Amino acid sequence: MRQSNEAAMFDTCVVLRYGGATVDALGNPTAEYTATSPRRCGYKPSSTREANQDGQVVIVDAVLRLGITEEIGQLDRVRITHRFAEELTAKPLYSVIGQPALGPSGLVVNLALVTDE
């Protein structure tokens, strides 16, 4: 089942690992992220749905499927670079909502849109 799940991932994403916060020249905190190498994923934009995160209701803009061995944290971000093997002109950036769920064939991650670049 895991092999068929990974074979059905036609999209590509880059996980941006959270590396901590620093302070800019004006004294404002800014987060630092380190990009990983591109990886296969299953990307499904959702028509807005709600999810519970730490007792608060948040809006889920997309759902991402990753391989069972992938690592992604709650503070990481995800940039979608290819959809159905075609490079996107606007590469949306998402933040991870809650903890990734372990499904029978891989990880399922809820995402919230940060920006379309």
Protein backbone atom coordinates (compact mmCIF):
# COMPACT_ATOMS: atom_id res chain seq x y z
CA MET A 1 0.00 0.00 0.00
CA ARG A 2 2.87 2.38 0.80
CA GLN A 3 4.50 1.77 -2.58
CA SER A 4 1.26 2.51 -4.43
CA ASN A 5 0.78 5.66 -2.32
CA GLU A 6 4.20 6.99 -3.26
CA ALA A 7 3.70 6.03 -6.91
CA ALA A 8 0.51 8.14 -6.93
CA MET A 9 2.32 11.31 -5.80
CA PHE A 10 2.56 13.48 -8.92
CA ASP A 11 3.48 16.77 -7.25
CA THR A 12 6.75 18.20 -5.93
CA CYS A 13 7.31 20.26 -2.81
CA VAL A 14 10.16 21.71 -0.77
CA VAL A 15 9.94 21.52 3.01
CA LEU A 16 11.36 24.59 4.75
CA ARG A 17 12.66 23.51 8.16
CA TYR A 18 12.25 25.98 11.00
CA GLY A 19 15.64 26.96 12.35
CA GLY A 20 14.73 29.37 15.11
CA ALA A 21 14.08 33.07 15.41
CA THR A 22 16.48 35.97 15.07
CA VAL A 23 16.08 39.71 15.43
CA ASP A 24 16.27 42.07 12.44
CA ALA A 25 17.87 45.56 12.40
CA LEU A 26 14.70 47.10 13.85
CA GLY A 27 14.51 44.61 16.70
CA ASN A 28 11.62 42.63 15.24
CA PRO A 29 11.76 38.83 15.55
CA THR A 30 12.03 36.97 12.24
CA ALA A 31 11.92 33.22 11.66
CA GLU A 32 14.67 31.44 9.76
CA TYR A 33 13.96 28.47 7.50
CA THR A 34 16.28 26.09 5.67
CA ALA A 35 15.06 24.55 2.40
CA THR A 36 15.35 20.79 1.94
CA SER A 37 15.77 19.09 -1.40
CA PRO A 38 12.61 18.77 -3.54
CA ARG A 39 10.51 15.69 -2.79
CA ARG A 40 7.48 13.94 -4.23
CA CYS A 41 4.21 14.69 -2.55
CA GLY A 42 0.48 14.60 -3.05
CA TYR A 43 -0.97 18.11 -2.96
CA LYS A 44 -4.70 18.73 -2.70
CA PRO A 45 -5.98 22.29 -2.38
CA SER A 46 -9.16 22.22 -0.35
CA SER A 47 -12.21 24.35 -0.50
CA THR A 48 -11.92 25.83 2.94
CA ARG A 49 -12.48 23.41 5.78
CA GLU A 50 -11.93 23.77 9.50
CA ALA A 51 -9.59 21.83 11.79
CA ASN A 52 -9.01 21.90 15.54
CA GLN A 53 -5.52 22.98 16.64
CA ASP A 54 -4.81 23.27 20.35
CA GLY A 55 -8.45 24.00 21.13
CA GLN A 56 -8.82 26.62 18.39
CA VAL A 57 -10.58 26.24 15.07
CA VAL A 58 -8.30 27.03 12.12
CA ILE A 59 -8.91 27.11 8.37
CA VAL A 60 -7.25 24.40 6.26
CA ASP A 61 -6.35 25.57 2.75
CA ALA A 62 -4.69 22.37 1.50
CA VAL A 63 -3.80 18.81 2.46
CA LEU A 64 -0.38 17.32 1.71
CA ARG A 65 0.56 13.64 1.52
CA LEU A 66 4.17 12.64 2.12
CA GLY A 67 6.00 9.33 2.27
CA ILE A 68 5.93 7.46 5.57
CA THR A 69 9.64 8.12 6.21
CA GLU A 70 9.49 11.89 5.66
CA GLU A 71 9.95 14.25 8.57
CA ILE A 72 7.96 17.44 8.92
CA GLY A 73 7.32 19.50 12.04
CA GLN A 74 4.59 21.80 13.23
CA LEU A 75 6.79 24.89 12.76
CA ASP A 76 7.95 23.98 9.25
CA ARG A 77 6.63 25.45 6.01
CA VAL A 78 6.01 23.87 2.60
CA ARG A 79 6.41 25.38 -0.88
CA ILE A 80 4.63 23.60 -3.74
CA THR A 81 6.83 23.79 -6.85
CA HIS A 82 5.24 21.34 -9.33
CA ARG A 83 1.63 20.20 -9.82
CA PHE A 84 1.11 17.04 -11.90
CA ALA A 85 4.80 17.27 -12.94
CA GLU A 86 4.33 20.77 -14.38
CA GLU A 87 6.28 23.64 -12.79
CA LEU A 88 4.05 26.25 -11.19
CA THR A 89 4.56 29.91 -12.04
CA ALA A 90 3.14 30.92 -8.65
CA LYS A 91 4.63 28.66 -5.99
CA PRO A 92 2.34 28.82 -2.95
CA LEU A 93 3.89 28.79 0.52
CA TYR A 94 2.04 27.03 3.34
CA SER A 95 2.50 26.65 7.08
CA VAL A 96 1.83 23.34 8.80
CA ILE A 97 -1.31 23.16 10.93
CA GLY A 98 -1.10 20.82 13.91
CA GLN A 99 0.81 17.57 13.99
CA PRO A 100 1.09 15.48 10.82
CA ALA A 101 -1.21 12.44 10.95
CA LEU A 102 0.20 8.99 10.31
CA GLY A 103 -2.05 7.26 7.80
CA PRO A 104 -1.82 3.65 6.61
CA SER A 105 0.32 4.60 3.62
CA GLY A 106 2.03 7.86 4.57
CA LEU A 107 1.85 11.17 6.39
CA VAL A 108 -1.11 13.52 5.99
CA VAL A 109 -0.42 17.19 6.73
CA ASN A 110 -2.96 20.03 6.98
CA LEU A 111 -1.72 23.34 5.54
CA ALA A 112 -2.65 27.02 5.79
CA LEU A 113 -1.73 29.39 2.94
CA VAL A 114 0.93 31.95 3.86
CA THR A 115 1.48 33.51 0.44
CA ASP A 116 1.35 32.89 -3.33
CA GLU A 117 4.72 33.80 -4.83
